[in-house]
Amino acid sequence: MNALTRLSLKDLQIIFNCSKNTAIKRKRELQNALNIHHVRLLDVAAYENYDIDYLICMLC
C-alpha cells in the first residue's frame, strides 16, 4: 500500500475505529472539505494531521 491508494469504507473504519455509517459520514466530510471524489491515504493524513507511515502500518 502506498500514499496514493484509494481507501475503501473498511479502510476508513479501521483508521477511525468506527462503524460503517460513521465511516460513510467521515468519507463525505473529507470529500467536501478537500473537494475530491476518491479518498486516498494521503488525503486522510493531510486532513487529520496523521503520519503517513503510521496509517500505512495501521492498514497492513
Protein backbone atom coordinates (compact mmCIF):
# COMPACT_ATOMS: atom_id res chain seq x y z
CA MET A 1 0.00 0.00 0.00
CA ASN A 2 1.25 3.48 -0.80
CA ALA A 3 0.10 7.03 -0.09
CA LEU A 4 -1.91 7.29 -3.32
CA THR A 5 -4.01 4.20 -2.65
CA ARG A 6 -7.75 4.80 -2.68
CA LEU A 7 -9.36 3.87 0.60
CA SER A 8 -12.42 1.67 0.98
CA LEU A 9 -15.03 2.11 3.68
CA LYS A 10 -13.46 -0.82 5.53
CA ASP A 11 -10.11 1.00 5.50
CA LEU A 12 -11.75 4.14 6.88
CA GLN A 13 -13.42 2.06 9.59
CA ILE A 14 -10.00 0.76 10.64
CA ILE A 15 -8.35 4.19 10.56
CA PHE A 16 -11.07 5.97 12.52
CA ASN A 17 -12.11 2.93 14.59
CA CYS A 18 -15.77 3.49 13.81
CA SER A 19 -18.89 1.89 12.36
CA LYS A 20 -19.75 1.72 8.67
CA ASN A 21 -22.25 4.58 8.95
CA THR A 22 -19.69 6.82 10.63
CA ALA A 23 -17.09 5.88 8.00
CA ILE A 24 -19.53 6.97 5.28
CA LYS A 25 -20.01 10.32 7.03
CA ARG A 26 -16.26 10.79 7.50
CA LYS A 27 -15.71 9.97 3.81
CA ARG A 28 -18.24 12.64 2.81
CA GLU A 29 -16.62 15.08 5.22
CA LEU A 30 -13.22 14.51 3.60
CA GLN A 31 -14.66 14.77 0.09
CA ASN A 32 -16.42 18.04 0.84
CA ALA A 33 -13.53 19.61 2.75
CA LEU A 34 -10.87 18.72 0.19
CA ASN A 35 -13.10 18.93 -2.91
CA ILE A 36 -12.15 15.43 -4.08
CA HIS A 37 -14.00 12.41 -5.40
CA HIS A 38 -11.85 9.50 -4.21
CA VAL A 39 -10.37 9.49 -0.71
CA ARG A 40 -6.71 8.48 -0.66
CA LEU A 41 -4.39 7.71 2.20
CA LEU A 42 -2.53 10.95 1.54
CA ASP A 43 -5.78 12.94 1.88
CA VAL A 44 -6.60 11.41 5.27
CA ALA A 45 -3.09 12.07 6.52
CA ALA A 46 -3.22 15.70 5.43
CA TYR A 47 -6.71 16.39 6.75
CA GLU A 48 -6.33 14.60 10.08
CA ASN A 49 -2.66 15.57 10.54
CA TYR A 50 -1.53 11.92 10.78
CA ASP A 51 1.83 10.50 9.81
CA ILE A 52 1.56 8.53 6.54
CA ASP A 53 3.82 5.75 7.80
CA TYR A 54 1.56 5.32 10.83
CA LEU A 55 -1.51 4.97 8.59
CA ILE A 56 0.21 2.51 6.28
CA CYS A 57 1.22 0.35 9.24
CA MET A 58 -2.30 0.55 10.61
CA LEU A 59 -3.75 -0.89 7.39
CA CYS A 60 -1.18 -3.66 6.89
